[in-house]
Amino acid sequence: MVRRLVLVLLTVGLTACASPEPAESPAAPAPSRPTSPSPDTSATGDPSRAPTPAGPSYSTWVLGSQVLPLRADGYGEVRATPPSLRVRRYRTVDLLPPPLDGAFRSSTGPVTDALRARMGETWQPGCPVPLADLRYVTVGFRGFDGAAHTGELVVAAGEATDVVSVFRALFRAGYPIEEMRLPTTADLVAPPTGDGNNTAAMVCRPTTGSTTTLSAHAYGLAIDLNPFVNPYERGDLVLPERASSYLDRSWRRPGMHADGSVAVREFARIGWSWGGDFQSLKDYHHFTATGR
């Protein structure tokens, strides 16, 4: 049985540049929301010509560095969001060559033997979709660093063209994505650190909290997009476990989804639904072709 939702990071190349922040207790108070400084008009007297404020600094929490104690259900204990992740921003480390011209690029092909080996236990014989009915897709995406990068997904063959069209639209809209790589066995067995943010699709597993009902991910018919800034919530469970700050959907930060936002619109265009509309729980990162 797969113990927990595959939202943990493979931490290679995603550590921040500064020292780690100290671990927080669940009761740590949240800081005030950042506010924009008043324009400095001392030189010109004209607010329209005031200097542009500097962009947000990069997050300093060292990803994957602090393992969480386990709950009785096998997930990690839910903890307060570290201060530098409350407006999360990391540079994307390129695992695939980025587009040299900075333009959107995509490709679609079969799941080769080499790709199958990389996927590890995220696909096994007996999964409901044979490898021949899946496609390996690469798409361009904008990082939180503003640069163009190349991501990868495995999706159902019949959905590949539409999925590419969604990511083309997100790229053109400047929607930021932190990371997009194939999940592996390492993700399935990693201890929970609650700070992952990988965008992924195919994983042959049950739905969260079930041992029998297969997830739409097991069919290549779901994509989890920026899961840390769009967490899953059911009762007292939050996944990723350090993402509680992002349950406040009124505090709009980069990469978050909402009714009418670009990701919700684009997936709706291809007939996929959004987990933010679920009634019994909220799965803000989840987009699905099956309605679950």
Protein backbone atom coordinates (compact mmCIF):
# COMPACT_ATOMS: atom_id res chain seq x y z
CA MET A 1 0.00 0.00 0.00
CA VAL A 2 1.27 3.42 -0.86
CA ARG A 3 1.50 5.15 2.51
CA ARG A 4 0.95 8.77 1.59
CA LEU A 5 0.10 11.16 -1.22
CA VAL A 6 3.04 11.66 -3.55
CA LEU A 7 3.70 15.31 -2.82
CA VAL A 8 7.13 14.97 -1.24
CA LEU A 9 10.10 16.46 -3.09
CA LEU A 10 13.07 14.71 -4.57
CA THR A 11 15.36 17.32 -3.03
CA VAL A 12 18.24 17.15 -5.53
CA GLY A 13 19.13 20.66 -6.65
CA LEU A 14 16.33 22.44 -4.82
CA THR A 15 18.05 23.66 -1.67
CA ALA A 16 18.02 27.39 -1.14
CA CYS A 17 21.10 29.53 -1.07
CA ALA A 18 20.94 30.59 2.58
CA SER A 19 21.17 28.71 5.86
CA PRO A 20 18.10 26.77 7.05
CA GLU A 21 15.55 28.39 9.25
CA PRO A 22 14.95 26.79 12.64
CA ALA A 23 12.10 24.31 12.87
CA GLU A 24 8.81 25.73 14.04
CA SER A 25 6.36 24.40 16.56
CA PRO A 26 2.75 23.99 15.41
CA ALA A 27 1.74 26.91 17.60
CA ALA A 28 4.20 29.39 16.12
CA PRO A 29 2.42 32.69 15.42
CA ALA A 30 2.05 33.73 11.81
CA PRO A 31 3.85 36.92 10.79
CA SER A 32 2.07 39.89 9.36
CA ARG A 33 1.47 39.75 5.66
CA PRO A 34 4.08 41.61 3.64
CA THR A 35 3.01 45.04 2.52
CA SER A 36 4.34 47.19 -0.27
CA PRO A 37 6.34 50.23 0.82
CA SER A 38 5.04 53.68 0.06
CA PRO A 39 6.54 55.11 -3.12
CA ASP A 40 9.62 57.26 -2.60
CA THR A 41 8.83 60.47 -4.45
CA SER A 42 11.44 62.63 -2.75
CA ALA A 43 13.50 63.02 -5.90
CA THR A 44 10.75 63.70 -8.42
CA GLY A 45 7.66 64.59 -6.40
CA ASP A 46 5.75 62.41 -8.87
CA PRO A 47 4.42 59.04 -7.63
CA SER A 48 4.14 57.77 -11.23
CA ARG A 49 7.92 58.12 -11.60
CA ALA A 50 8.83 56.59 -8.25
CA PRO A 51 11.48 53.83 -8.25
CA THR A 52 10.08 50.31 -8.76
CA PRO A 53 10.21 48.33 -5.48
CA ALA A 54 12.59 45.39 -5.49
CA GLY A 55 11.08 41.96 -6.16
CA PRO A 56 10.59 39.45 -3.34
CA SER A 57 13.67 37.69 -2.04
CA TYR A 58 14.11 33.98 -2.52
CA SER A 59 12.95 31.58 0.17
CA THR A 60 15.66 30.40 2.55
CA TRP A 61 14.06 27.28 4.02
CA VAL A 62 16.23 24.29 3.04
CA LEU A 63 13.83 21.92 1.32
CA GLY A 64 13.65 18.33 2.51
CA SER A 65 15.90 19.01 5.48
CA GLN A 66 13.52 18.41 8.40
CA VAL A 67 11.56 15.18 8.64
CA LEU A 68 8.18 15.34 10.34
CA PRO A 69 6.95 12.95 13.04
CA LEU A 70 4.26 10.61 11.74
CA ARG A 71 0.58 10.75 12.62
CA ALA A 72 -1.44 7.61 13.28
CA ASP A 73 -2.65 7.70 9.64
CA GLY A 74 0.91 7.61 8.30
CA TYR A 75 1.10 11.22 7.15
CA GLY A 76 3.41 13.77 8.73
CA GLU A 77 2.31 16.02 11.56
CA VAL A 78 0.85 19.26 10.23
CA ARG A 79 3.12 22.16 11.13
CA ALA A 80 3.02 25.92 10.74
CA THR A 81 4.38 27.20 7.44
CA PRO A 82 8.00 28.40 7.82
CA PRO A 83 8.23 32.19 7.47
CA SER A 84 10.17 32.23 4.22
CA LEU A 85 7.68 29.80 2.61
CA ARG A 86 4.65 32.01 3.33
CA VAL A 87 5.43 33.78 0.08
CA ARG A 88 7.22 30.84 -1.52
CA ARG A 89 9.83 31.58 -4.19
CA TYR A 90 12.71 29.36 -5.33
CA ARG A 91 14.88 29.33 -8.41
CA THR A 92 14.15 26.33 -10.63
CA VAL A 93 17.05 23.92 -11.09
CA ASP A 94 17.04 22.59 -14.65
CA LEU A 95 16.89 18.80 -14.85
CA LEU A 96 16.11 19.03 -18.58
CA PRO A 97 17.65 21.54 -21.02
CA PRO A 98 15.67 24.80 -20.97
CA PRO A 99 14.55 26.36 -24.28
CA LEU A 100 17.53 28.34 -25.54
CA ASP A 101 15.33 31.03 -27.09
CA GLY A 102 13.06 31.33 -24.04
CA ALA A 103 10.02 30.35 -26.12
CA PHE A 104 7.47 27.63 -25.39
CA ARG A 105 8.48 24.21 -26.63
CA SER A 106 6.79 20.82 -26.22
CA SER A 107 7.17 17.21 -27.30
CA THR A 108 5.06 14.06 -27.03
CA GLY A 109 6.29 10.49 -27.33
CA PRO A 110 5.99 6.96 -25.98
CA VAL A 111 7.15 5.80 -22.56
CA THR A 112 10.48 4.23 -23.48
CA ASP A 113 12.32 1.59 -21.51
CA ALA A 114 14.61 4.28 -20.11
CA LEU A 115 11.64 6.36 -18.95
CA ARG A 116 9.97 3.29 -17.48
CA ALA A 117 13.12 2.64 -15.44
CA ARG A 118 13.09 6.21 -14.14
CA MET A 119 9.46 5.94 -13.08
CA GLY A 120 10.24 3.01 -10.79
CA GLU A 121 7.30 1.87 -8.68
CA THR A 122 5.06 4.73 -9.78
CA TRP A 123 4.00 2.31 -12.55
CA GLN A 124 3.95 -1.48 -12.22
CA PRO A 125 2.42 -4.40 -14.08
CA GLY A 126 -1.18 -4.61 -12.97
CA CYS A 127 -1.74 -0.85 -13.03
CA PRO A 128 -4.97 -0.03 -14.87
CA VAL A 129 -3.31 1.64 -17.90
CA PRO A 130 -0.63 -0.16 -19.94
CA LEU A 131 2.48 1.80 -20.87
CA ALA A 132 1.38 1.78 -24.52
CA ASP A 133 -1.62 3.93 -23.55
CA LEU A 134 0.51 6.55 -21.80
CA ARG A 135 2.57 9.36 -23.30
CA TYR A 136 5.70 11.16 -22.13
CA VAL A 137 5.17 14.90 -22.54
CA THR A 138 7.65 17.73 -22.17
CA VAL A 139 6.41 21.32 -21.94
CA GLY A 140 7.91 24.72 -21.32
CA PHE A 141 7.05 26.53 -18.12
CA ARG A 142 7.91 29.78 -16.37
CA GLY A 143 9.68 29.40 -13.06
CA PHE A 144 9.21 31.56 -9.99
CA ASP A 145 12.57 32.96 -11.11
CA GLY A 146 10.89 34.32 -14.26
CA ALA A 147 13.00 32.15 -16.58
CA ALA A 148 11.83 29.56 -19.10
CA HIS A 149 12.35 25.90 -18.16
CA THR A 150 11.39 22.45 -19.46
CA GLY A 151 9.15 20.14 -17.46
CA GLU A 152 8.03 16.54 -17.95
CA LEU A 153 4.83 14.58 -17.31
CA VAL A 154 3.39 11.16 -18.12
CA VAL A 155 -0.30 11.36 -19.04
CA ALA A 156 -2.97 9.29 -20.80
CA ALA A 157 -2.34 9.17 -24.52
CA GLY A 158 -5.76 10.57 -25.38
CA GLU A 159 -5.19 13.66 -23.20
CA ALA A 160 -1.65 14.55 -24.26
CA THR A 161 -2.51 17.13 -26.93
CA ASP A 162 -4.97 18.96 -24.69
CA VAL A 163 -2.55 18.93 -21.74
CA VAL A 164 0.13 20.52 -23.90
CA SER A 165 -2.33 23.24 -24.91
CA VAL A 166 -3.01 24.04 -21.24
CA PHE A 167 0.68 24.45 -20.43
CA ARG A 168 1.19 26.55 -23.55
CA ALA A 169 -1.49 28.93 -22.27
CA LEU A 170 0.02 28.98 -18.75
CA PHE A 171 3.43 29.78 -20.23
CA ARG A 172 2.05 32.65 -22.28
CA ALA A 173 0.19 34.00 -19.24
CA GLY A 174 3.38 33.99 -17.17
CA TYR A 175 1.91 31.59 -14.62
CA PRO A 176 4.84 30.39 -12.42
CA ILE A 177 5.63 26.73 -11.74
CA GLU A 178 8.45 25.77 -9.39
CA GLU A 179 9.25 22.23 -10.53
CA MET A 180 7.87 19.65 -12.96
CA ARG A 181 9.60 16.25 -13.05
CA LEU A 182 8.61 12.59 -13.06
CA PRO A 183 7.91 11.13 -9.61
CA THR A 184 10.03 8.07 -8.79
CA THR A 185 10.23 5.31 -6.21
CA ALA A 186 12.28 7.72 -4.09
CA ASP A 187 9.22 9.94 -3.73
CA LEU A 188 7.03 7.03 -2.67
CA VAL A 189 9.33 5.91 0.13
CA ALA A 190 10.74 9.26 1.30
CA PRO A 191 9.94 10.28 4.89
CA PRO A 192 7.57 13.26 5.04
CA THR A 193 9.11 16.72 5.15
CA GLY A 194 5.94 18.55 4.12
CA ASP A 195 7.61 21.13 1.88
CA GLY A 196 7.43 19.65 -1.64
CA ASN A 197 6.08 21.55 -4.63
CA ASN A 198 6.55 19.25 -7.63
CA THR A 199 3.97 19.37 -10.42
CA ALA A 200 3.26 15.79 -11.52
CA ALA A 201 0.69 13.55 -13.20
CA MET A 202 0.98 9.74 -13.50
CA VAL A 203 1.37 7.79 -10.24
CA CYS A 204 -0.34 4.40 -9.89
CA ARG A 205 -1.82 4.74 -6.40
CA PRO A 206 -5.11 4.88 -4.50
CA THR A 207 -6.87 8.14 -3.73
CA THR A 208 -5.71 9.90 -0.59
CA GLY A 209 -7.13 8.15 2.48
CA SER A 210 -8.26 5.04 0.55
CA THR A 211 -6.72 1.60 0.11
CA THR A 212 -9.04 0.37 -2.64
CA THR A 213 -10.21 3.22 -4.89
CA LEU A 214 -7.65 4.16 -7.49
CA SER A 215 -6.85 7.81 -8.04
CA ALA A 216 -7.25 9.46 -11.44
CA HIS A 217 -3.45 9.73 -11.30
CA ALA A 218 -3.27 5.95 -11.74
CA TYR A 219 -4.81 6.41 -15.20
CA GLY A 220 -2.70 9.41 -16.23
CA LEU A 221 -5.85 11.52 -15.99
CA ALA A 222 -4.91 13.98 -13.24
CA ILE A 223 -2.24 16.62 -12.67
CA ASP A 224 -1.22 18.17 -9.35
CA LEU A 225 -0.07 21.71 -10.11
CA ASN A 226 2.06 23.67 -7.60
CA PRO A 227 0.82 21.57 -4.64
CA PHE A 228 2.50 23.54 -1.86
CA VAL A 229 0.79 26.82 -2.68
CA ASN A 230 -2.44 24.93 -3.46
CA PRO A 231 -2.67 22.34 -0.66
CA TYR A 232 -5.03 19.46 0.04
CA GLU A 233 -7.28 19.82 3.10
CA ARG A 234 -9.55 17.24 4.71
CA GLY A 235 -10.44 17.70 8.38
CA ASP A 236 -7.19 18.23 10.27
CA LEU A 237 -5.03 16.84 7.45
CA VAL A 238 -3.09 19.26 5.24
CA LEU A 239 -0.83 18.08 2.42
CA PRO A 240 1.94 19.11 2.06
CA GLU A 241 2.05 19.23 5.84
CA ARG A 242 3.81 22.61 6.10
CA ALA A 243 1.50 24.39 3.65
CA SER A 244 -1.19 25.56 6.10
CA SER A 245 -0.56 29.24 5.32
CA TYR A 246 -1.99 28.64 1.85
CA LEU A 247 -5.36 27.52 3.19
CA ASP A 248 -6.06 31.26 3.42
CA ARG A 249 -7.22 31.58 -0.18
CA SER A 250 -8.01 35.27 0.28
CA TRP A 251 -4.28 36.02 0.52
CA ARG A 252 -3.40 35.68 -3.16
CA ARG A 253 0.21 34.72 -3.80
CA PRO A 254 1.97 33.65 -7.00
CA GLY A 255 0.99 30.24 -8.35
CA MET A 256 -2.28 29.97 -6.40
CA HIS A 257 -5.53 28.86 -8.05
CA ALA A 258 -8.95 30.42 -7.61
CA ASP A 259 -12.29 30.55 -9.40
CA GLY A 260 -11.60 32.13 -12.77
CA SER A 261 -7.80 32.00 -12.49
CA VAL A 262 -5.83 31.02 -15.57
CA ALA A 263 -5.13 27.40 -14.59
CA VAL A 264 -8.75 26.75 -13.59
CA ARG A 265 -9.98 28.31 -16.84
CA GLU A 266 -7.55 26.40 -19.04
CA PHE A 267 -8.21 22.99 -17.53
CA ALA A 268 -11.96 23.66 -17.74
CA ARG A 269 -11.46 24.42 -21.44
CA ILE A 270 -10.28 20.84 -22.04
CA GLY A 271 -13.05 19.37 -19.87
CA TRP A 272 -11.07 18.79 -16.67
CA SER A 273 -12.42 19.74 -13.24
CA TRP A 274 -10.68 21.40 -10.29
CA GLY A 275 -10.31 19.95 -6.79
CA GLY A 276 -10.95 23.39 -5.30
CA ASP A 277 -14.60 22.80 -6.22
CA PHE A 278 -14.86 19.51 -4.28
CA GLN A 279 -17.46 19.61 -1.50
CA SER A 280 -16.27 17.05 1.09
CA LEU A 281 -12.66 18.21 0.96
CA LYS A 282 -10.48 20.72 -0.84
CA ASP A 283 -7.74 19.63 -3.22
CA TYR A 284 -6.60 22.97 -4.58
CA HIS A 285 -3.69 21.61 -6.63
CA HIS A 286 -5.66 18.80 -8.29
CA PHE A 287 -6.99 18.89 -11.86
CA THR A 288 -8.70 15.78 -13.19
CA ALA A 289 -10.41 14.42 -16.30
CA THR A 290 -12.55 12.01 -14.23
CA GLY A 291 -14.15 14.40 -11.72
CA ARG A 292 -12.26 12.85 -8.78
